[in-house]
Amino acid sequence: MFEKSLDHIAERILTLDEASLNSLWEKYKDRMEQFDTSKEWEKAVIVFFIINAVRVKNKIFNENIGQSNIDKHAVSRKPARDIPYLKRIK
């Protein structure tokens, strides 16, 4: 039950737009830095870290996609082994 709830929360978070979340980052950062013992403060901390989690997830995702594109592109540029790269011209 607990794991299913977390999975549902993650699914909902994945639908959020990073640009929209980034516009809220400063607000929740400021609220988090103003510690008090209220539920609102606790929720602000959770929201702040959710925003950061989405940002980090997207950064890792983009870096890996970029690297795999570089790797694929590099492989396609290599000359075939049975064809010499340099040719002698007379």
Protein backbone atom coordinates (compact mmCIF):
# COMPACT_ATOMS: atom_id res chain seq x y z
CA MET A 1 0.00 0.00 0.00
CA PHE A 2 2.77 2.44 1.01
CA GLU A 3 4.88 1.66 -2.04
CA LYS A 4 1.85 2.00 -4.31
CA SER A 5 1.14 5.44 -2.85
CA LEU A 6 4.72 6.56 -3.48
CA ASP A 7 4.56 5.23 -7.02
CA HIS A 8 1.35 7.21 -7.61
CA ILE A 9 2.99 10.37 -6.25
CA ALA A 10 6.00 9.83 -8.54
CA GLU A 11 3.70 9.40 -11.55
CA ARG A 12 1.98 12.70 -10.74
CA ILE A 13 5.30 14.49 -10.26
CA LEU A 14 6.58 13.24 -13.63
CA THR A 15 3.69 15.07 -15.33
CA LEU A 16 4.85 18.44 -13.93
CA ASP A 17 6.68 20.87 -16.19
CA GLU A 18 10.22 21.68 -15.04
CA ALA A 19 9.99 25.29 -16.23
CA SER A 20 6.87 25.87 -14.15
CA LEU A 21 8.50 24.20 -11.16
CA ASN A 22 11.62 26.35 -11.55
CA SER A 23 9.48 29.47 -11.31
CA LEU A 24 8.43 28.30 -7.83
CA TRP A 25 11.92 27.30 -6.65
CA GLU A 26 12.83 30.66 -5.08
CA LYS A 27 9.50 30.92 -3.25
CA TYR A 28 9.88 27.53 -1.60
CA LYS A 29 13.58 28.05 -0.91
CA ASP A 30 12.77 31.27 0.96
CA ARG A 31 9.92 29.62 2.87
CA MET A 32 12.10 26.65 3.80
CA GLU A 33 14.80 28.97 5.16
CA GLN A 34 12.25 30.58 7.51
CA PHE A 35 12.00 27.69 9.93
CA ASP A 36 8.97 27.22 12.11
CA THR A 37 7.12 24.19 13.43
CA SER A 38 4.06 24.53 11.18
CA LYS A 39 2.72 22.02 8.67
CA GLU A 40 3.06 24.74 6.03
CA TRP A 41 6.81 24.89 6.62
CA GLU A 42 7.05 21.08 6.42
CA LYS A 43 5.13 21.06 3.13
CA ALA A 44 7.34 23.85 1.76
CA VAL A 45 10.43 21.74 2.48
CA ILE A 46 8.91 18.73 0.71
CA VAL A 47 7.90 20.85 -2.31
CA PHE A 48 11.38 22.41 -2.47
CA PHE A 49 13.01 18.98 -2.60
CA ILE A 50 10.49 17.70 -5.14
CA ILE A 51 11.42 20.61 -7.41
CA ASN A 52 15.11 19.80 -6.93
CA ALA A 53 14.47 16.10 -7.55
CA VAL A 54 12.80 16.86 -10.89
CA ARG A 55 15.66 19.18 -11.85
CA VAL A 56 18.31 16.56 -11.00
CA LYS A 57 16.35 13.80 -12.75
CA ASN A 58 16.12 15.88 -15.92
CA LYS A 59 19.82 16.80 -15.77
CA ILE A 60 20.86 13.14 -15.46
CA PHE A 61 18.41 12.15 -18.20
CA ASN A 62 19.65 14.85 -20.61
CA GLU A 63 23.31 14.07 -19.94
CA ASN A 64 22.77 10.38 -20.65
CA ILE A 65 20.73 11.03 -23.78
CA GLY A 66 23.40 13.46 -24.99
CA GLN A 67 26.17 10.97 -24.31
CA SER A 68 24.37 8.17 -26.11
CA ASN A 69 23.86 10.46 -29.12
CA ILE A 70 27.58 11.32 -29.12
CA ASP A 71 28.47 7.63 -28.90
CA LYS A 72 26.16 6.73 -31.80
CA HIS A 73 27.48 9.59 -33.90
CA ALA A 74 31.11 8.66 -33.19
CA VAL A 75 30.50 5.06 -34.24
CA SER A 76 28.99 6.13 -37.54
CA ARG A 77 32.05 8.27 -38.38
CA LYS A 78 34.60 5.46 -38.04
CA PRO A 79 35.89 4.14 -41.35
CA ALA A 80 35.37 0.48 -42.12
CA ARG A 81 38.37 -1.66 -41.14
CA ASP A 82 38.75 -3.32 -44.53
CA ILE A 83 38.89 0.01 -46.39
CA PRO A 84 42.11 1.97 -45.85
CA TYR A 85 41.61 5.45 -44.52
CA LEU A 86 44.56 6.87 -46.48
CA LYS A 87 45.00 6.19 -50.19
CA ARG A 88 48.17 6.55 -52.23
CA ILE A 89 47.68 8.75 -55.26
CA LYS A 90 50.23 8.87 -58.13
